[in-house]
Protein backbone atom coordinates (compact mmCIF):
# COMPACT_ATOMS: atom_id res chain seq x y z
CA UNK A 1 0.00 0.00 0.00
CA UNK A 2 2.90 2.36 0.64
CA UNK A 3 3.89 2.33 -3.03
CA UNK A 4 0.34 3.20 -4.05
CA UNK A 5 0.34 6.25 -1.78
CA UNK A 6 3.74 7.32 -3.09
CA UNK A 7 2.54 6.94 -6.69
CA UNK A 8 -0.59 8.97 -5.91
CA UNK A 9 1.40 11.78 -4.32
CA UNK A 10 3.87 11.80 -7.21
CA UNK A 11 1.06 11.96 -9.79
CA UNK A 12 -0.79 14.74 -7.95
CA UNK A 13 2.45 16.70 -7.49
CA UNK A 14 3.24 16.39 -11.18
CA UNK A 15 -0.26 17.56 -12.16
CA UNK A 16 0.06 20.52 -9.78
CA UNK A 17 3.40 21.48 -11.34
CA UNK A 18 1.85 21.34 -14.82
CA UNK A 19 -0.96 23.67 -13.71
CA UNK A 20 1.61 26.11 -12.32
CA UNK A 21 3.55 26.08 -15.60
CA UNK A 22 0.34 26.82 -17.53
CA UNK A 23 -0.49 29.65 -15.13
CA UNK A 24 2.96 31.21 -15.50
CA UNK A 25 2.70 31.01 -19.30
CA UNK A 26 -0.61 32.91 -19.11
CA UNK A 27 0.89 35.77 -17.07
CA UNK A 28 2.04 39.00 -18.70
CA UNK A 29 5.75 38.50 -19.40
CA UNK A 30 6.74 42.12 -18.86
CA UNK A 31 7.77 43.68 -15.57
CA UNK A 32 6.07 42.33 -12.48
CA UNK A 33 4.38 39.46 -14.32
CA UNK A 34 7.76 38.09 -15.34
CA UNK A 35 9.24 38.41 -11.85
CA UNK A 36 6.19 36.92 -10.12
CA UNK A 37 5.96 34.14 -12.69
CA UNK A 38 9.61 33.21 -12.19
CA UNK A 39 9.22 33.11 -8.41
CA UNK A 40 5.99 31.13 -8.62
CA UNK A 41 7.49 28.65 -11.02
CA UNK A 42 10.59 28.19 -8.89
CA UNK A 43 8.75 27.79 -5.60
CA UNK A 44 5.82 25.65 -6.76
CA UNK A 45 7.66 23.13 -8.91
CA UNK A 46 10.30 22.16 -6.37
CA UNK A 47 9.82 19.16 -4.12
CA UNK A 48 11.43 18.79 -0.72
CA UNK A 49 12.50 15.25 0.05
């Protein structure tokens, strides 16, 4: 059962990261939008082990 939980968490984490990437792509890429998008992408797609 432990592997199933790990697989579920990995799949949900991956889907979350994809949603963040899509959000960042939709942001205005000038000025604040670029800075905020970069920070959001960096912080929300990293995984602490």
